[in-house]
């Protein structure tokens, strides 16, 4: 009976390892950056894309010259917010781990 409780305590202690803490923080950052990027691409002015296609731009040129430059400020904002939320996720992971 004593061996069972000691091993059970060791298993419970190791369930929230550093990988779990990192994955919690990464998930919190991922969703912020993902939705910021999604909103950036969704809010691109369609007249820019139509003008580029009328001028003969390919899909890759539209991506490189219209979509990425107009969405970079949104993506960087998502990364900045995600960096602060990553710290919150690390703190929550530490609380869960202890």
C-alpha atoms as a PDB file:
ATOM      1  CA  UNK A   1       0.000   0.000   0.000  1.00  0.00           C
ATOM      2  CA  UNK A   2       2.814   2.417   0.775  1.00  0.00           C
ATOM      3  CA  UNK A   3       4.531   1.797  -2.577  1.00  0.00           C
ATOM      4  CA  UNK A   4       1.277   2.475  -4.402  1.00  0.00           C
ATOM      5  CA  UNK A   5       0.778   5.854  -2.764  1.00  0.00           C
ATOM      6  CA  UNK A   6       4.385   6.932  -3.354  1.00  0.00           C
ATOM      7  CA  UNK A   7       4.250   6.052  -7.054  1.00  0.00           C
ATOM      8  CA  UNK A   8       0.813   7.640  -7.326  1.00  0.00           C
ATOM      9  CA  UNK A   9       2.194  10.858  -5.832  1.00  0.00           C
ATOM     10  CA  UNK A  10       5.127  10.780  -8.277  1.00  0.00           C
ATOM     11  CA  UNK A  11       2.795  10.311 -11.246  1.00  0.00           C
ATOM     12  CA  UNK A  12       0.579  13.189 -10.131  1.00  0.00           C
ATOM     13  CA  UNK A  13       3.585  15.411  -9.575  1.00  0.00           C
ATOM     14  CA  UNK A  14       4.941  14.819 -13.089  1.00  0.00           C
ATOM     15  CA  UNK A  15       1.657  15.216 -14.956  1.00  0.00           C
ATOM     16  CA  UNK A  16       2.184  18.950 -15.407  1.00  0.00           C
ATOM     17  CA  UNK A  17       5.718  19.031 -16.757  1.00  0.00           C
ATOM     18  CA  UNK A  18       7.415  21.906 -18.522  1.00  0.00           C
ATOM     19  CA  UNK A  19       6.000  20.681 -21.828  1.00  0.00           C
ATOM     20  CA  UNK A  20       2.492  21.187 -20.517  1.00  0.00           C
ATOM     21  CA  UNK A  21       3.327  24.698 -19.383  1.00  0.00           C
ATOM     22  CA  UNK A  22       4.893  25.553 -22.724  1.00  0.00           C
ATOM     23  CA  UNK A  23       1.976  24.116 -24.651  1.00  0.00           C
ATOM     24  CA  UNK A  24      -0.503  26.130 -22.560  1.00  0.00           C
ATOM     25  CA  UNK A  25       1.398  29.337 -23.249  1.00  0.00           C
ATOM     26  CA  UNK A  26       1.771  28.446 -26.945  1.00  0.00           C
ATOM     27  CA  UNK A  27      -1.941  27.799 -27.339  1.00  0.00           C
ATOM     28  CA  UNK A  28      -2.787  31.121 -25.763  1.00  0.00           C
ATOM     29  CA  UNK A  29      -0.427  32.900 -28.179  1.00  0.00           C
ATOM     30  CA  UNK A  30      -1.491  30.886 -31.239  1.00  0.00           C
ATOM     31  CA  UNK A  31      -5.141  31.856 -31.069  1.00  0.00           C
ATOM     32  CA  UNK A  32      -4.339  35.558 -30.694  1.00  0.00           C
ATOM     33  CA  UNK A  33      -2.013  35.582 -33.685  1.00  0.00           C
ATOM     34  CA  UNK A  34      -4.361  33.380 -35.729  1.00  0.00           C
ATOM     35  CA  UNK A  35      -7.412  35.580 -35.232  1.00  0.00           C
ATOM     36  CA  UNK A  36      -5.402  38.762 -35.810  1.00  0.00           C
ATOM     37  CA  UNK A  37      -4.163  37.325 -39.108  1.00  0.00           C
ATOM     38  CA  UNK A  38      -7.654  36.146 -40.026  1.00  0.00           C
ATOM     39  CA  UNK A  39      -9.121  39.604 -39.417  1.00  0.00           C
ATOM     40  CA  UNK A  40      -6.295  41.215 -41.365  1.00  0.00           C
ATOM     41  CA  UNK A  41      -6.900  39.072 -44.433  1.00  0.00           C
ATOM     42  CA  UNK A  42     -10.672  39.409 -44.132  1.00  0.00           C
ATOM     43  CA  UNK A  43     -10.500  43.217 -43.994  1.00  0.00           C
ATOM     44  CA  UNK A  44      -8.315  43.725 -47.071  1.00  0.00           C
ATOM     45  CA  UNK A  45      -9.864  46.166 -49.513  1.00  0.00           C
ATOM     46  CA  UNK A  46     -11.278  44.103 -52.369  1.00  0.00           C
ATOM     47  CA  UNK A  47     -10.683  46.948 -54.820  1.00  0.00           C
ATOM     48  CA  UNK A  48      -6.937  46.441 -54.420  1.00  0.00           C
ATOM     49  CA  UNK A  49      -7.212  42.776 -55.303  1.00  0.00           C
ATOM     50  CA  UNK A  50      -9.535  43.487 -58.228  1.00  0.00           C
ATOM     51  CA  UNK A  51      -7.187  46.174 -59.537  1.00  0.00           C
ATOM     52  CA  UNK A  52      -4.227  43.830 -59.336  1.00  0.00           C
ATOM     53  CA  UNK A  53      -6.054  41.050 -61.163  1.00  0.00           C
ATOM     54  CA  UNK A  54      -7.151  43.485 -63.879  1.00  0.00           C
ATOM     55  CA  UNK A  55      -3.523  44.492 -64.309  1.00  0.00           C
ATOM     56  CA  UNK A  56      -2.575  40.834 -64.761  1.00  0.00           C
ATOM     57  CA  UNK A  57      -1.113  39.936 -61.377  1.00  0.00           C
ATOM     58  CA  UNK A  58      -0.900  36.269 -60.476  1.00  0.00           C
ATOM     59  CA  UNK A  59      -2.131  34.867 -57.158  1.00  0.00           C
ATOM     60  CA  UNK A  60       1.390  34.773 -55.752  1.00  0.00           C
ATOM     61  CA  UNK A  61       1.974  38.399 -56.750  1.00  0.00           C
ATOM     62  CA  UNK A  62      -1.302  39.380 -55.084  1.00  0.00           C
ATOM     63  CA  UNK A  63      -0.180  37.545 -51.947  1.00  0.00           C
ATOM     64  CA  UNK A  64       3.294  39.135 -51.880  1.00  0.00           C
ATOM     65  CA  UNK A  65       2.414  42.657 -52.973  1.00  0.00           C
ATOM     66  CA  UNK A  66      -1.077  43.215 -51.556  1.00  0.00           C
ATOM     67  CA  UNK A  67      -2.087  40.704 -48.884  1.00  0.00           C
ATOM     68  CA  UNK A  68       1.139  40.538 -46.862  1.00  0.00           C
ATOM     69  CA  UNK A  69       1.970  44.274 -46.790  1.00  0.00           C
ATOM     70  CA  UNK A  70      -1.563  45.225 -45.750  1.00  0.00           C
ATOM     71  CA  UNK A  71      -1.828  42.525 -43.084  1.00  0.00           C
ATOM     72  CA  UNK A  72       1.624  42.884 -41.475  1.00  0.00           C
ATOM     73  CA  UNK A  73       0.508  45.580 -38.958  1.00  0.00           C
ATOM     74  CA  UNK A  74      -2.335  43.328 -37.783  1.00  0.00           C
ATOM     75  CA  UNK A  75      -0.019  40.319 -37.490  1.00  0.00           C
ATOM     76  CA  UNK A  76       2.573  42.288 -35.519  1.00  0.00           C
ATOM     77  CA  UNK A  77      -0.171  43.550 -33.208  1.00  0.00           C
ATOM     78  CA  UNK A  78      -1.292  39.952 -32.645  1.00  0.00           C
ATOM     79  CA  UNK A  79       2.285  38.965 -31.812  1.00  0.00           C
ATOM     80  CA  UNK A  80       2.646  41.874 -29.371  1.00  0.00           C
ATOM     81  CA  UNK A  81      -0.585  40.964 -27.597  1.00  0.00           C
ATOM     82  CA  UNK A  82       0.414  37.305 -27.698  1.00  0.00           C
ATOM     83  CA  UNK A  83       3.737  38.055 -26.012  1.00  0.00           C
ATOM     84  CA  UNK A  84       2.004  39.557 -23.010  1.00  0.00           C
ATOM     85  CA  UNK A  85      -0.562  36.767 -22.905  1.00  0.00           C
ATOM     86  CA  UNK A  86       2.288  34.245 -23.099  1.00  0.00           C
ATOM     87  CA  UNK A  87       3.519  35.529 -19.757  1.00  0.00           C
ATOM     88  CA  UNK A  88       0.035  35.051 -18.306  1.00  0.00           C
ATOM     89  CA  UNK A  89      -0.020  31.516 -19.723  1.00  0.00           C
ATOM     90  CA  UNK A  90       3.348  30.757 -18.148  1.00  0.00           C
ATOM     91  CA  UNK A  91       2.124  31.991 -14.770  1.00  0.00           C
ATOM     92  CA  UNK A  92      -1.063  29.928 -15.050  1.00  0.00           C
ATOM     93  CA  UNK A  93       1.050  26.914 -16.034  1.00  0.00           C
ATOM     94  CA  UNK A  94       3.198  27.405 -12.965  1.00  0.00           C
ATOM     95  CA  UNK A  95       0.109  27.550 -10.750  1.00  0.00           C
ATOM     96  CA  UNK A  96      -1.228  24.374 -12.321  1.00  0.00           C
ATOM     97  CA  UNK A  97       2.126  22.674 -11.897  1.00  0.00           C
ATOM     98  CA  UNK A  98       2.416  23.388  -8.209  1.00  0.00           C
END
